[in-house]
Amino acid sequence: MNNFSYFNPTTIHFGKGQIASLKDELANYSRILIVYGGGSIKGNGVYQQVMNALSQQQVFEFSGIEPNPHFETLIQAAELAKQKEVELILAIGGGSVIDGCKFIAAAACYLGDAWQIMETGGACIEQALPLGCVLTLPATGSEMNKNGVITRAATQDKLSFGSDLVRPRFSILDPEVTYSLPAKQIANGVVDSFIHVLEQYLTYPVNAKVTDRFAEGLLLTIIEEGPLALQQPHNYEVRANLMWAATMALNGTVKNGVPTDWATHAIGHELTALYGLDHAQTLAIVLPAMWRYKQQQKHAKLLQYAKRVWQLDDANEQQCVEQAIALTEQFFNAMGVASKLSDYNLNQSHIEAVIDKLTEHGMTALGEHKDISPEDVRKILELAL
């Protein structure tokens, strides 16, 4: 097992009716900026629950955060936070809104060009407004980590950043608020959280038994509950298990003591920025191709994954691994998330721009071994056609 340091001070309020706990969490704040996306929270009752809990505070609002939050939009919110001298940012939404609010919290306190936050990966952040979250879409785990991903629409740059200063002070997770989500968003969330676990689990063995078993438990839960979430949209237990699995997938628990990959995410970010695909769609495209390309290096963990997660026991190890990759791809497809570039009208001609953007962003040595070059990425994407 590798050495690690683990820190996660985010308070979680989980379960039915927990939005009411905002009253206690925000008792010491008087000026709150609530930030949300397209306004669905006003139709599903979440907005009114939040406003009821904030009846003693002065509340300002900013809406319109995009599914892949745009730097251009977030800067406007940061300016509003400065003008109104808000004391805390309250994100109400899924990972995009929460990621955006992490940037807003930092940018509202930053004196220079706020894009430097992205260019430095968050290293330049010295101060940030406190942040709280009301999660409405389980997927990214952003409600319990220090990371965010932001897109600059004008230049088609999608970059990530991280800082403990933007880690949420608290997050509220009520599975009931997910009942009204469209099936597509639930499916994307399932695929996203599943691949978050895999990016940390499926590398190479380091005898981290506890972390591996945590990861395998999350994968098994997501495989079991994902399809049920589509079939039984008002099943509280299904939604509760998926919501907690998505949070646990990226709150640091399953990266403890193990090497991590993240090449699939790096490539996927460029596909989203360039061609507008949903984040989960890009991951479903890249991951199976990545595994096929790096099958020899990842053989040991692929075999472990095949046996422990998919319960495959074929004596032929190669067949076992290939079947596990195929079953993974089938799972994505069963959730309604297609897994080929051609499914999204992308072909060979679209690959070069991805290579160029990765190179521009310095992403020239990806993966757990830092040995995936731009030329390797080209071959991986060709496998995904």
Foldseek 3Di string as FASTA:
>chain_A
DAADDDDFQAAEAEAPPSLLCLLVVCVPFAEEEEEEEDPCCVVLVNVVSNCVSNVRHHYHYDYHQDLQGAPVRLLVVLVVCLVRVGQEYEYEEAQSSLLSVLLSFQNNVDDDDSCVCQLVQNPPRDAGHAYEYEYQAQAALQQTFFKHWHAHLVVLDIGMHGDPRSHHNYYYHYLQSNLPPDLVRLLLRLLRLLVLLVQQQQADDPPPVVLNVVSLVLNLLSLVLSLVCVVPVRDRVSSSSSRVSSNVSPNPSNNHPTFGFCPQQLLLSSCCSVPVDRSSLSSLQQVLLVCVLCVVRRLVSLQVCLCRRVVDDDPPSVVSSVVSSVVSSVSSVSSVRHHACVVVVDDLVPLVSSLVSCVVSVVAQGTSRRNCGSVNSSSSNNSRD
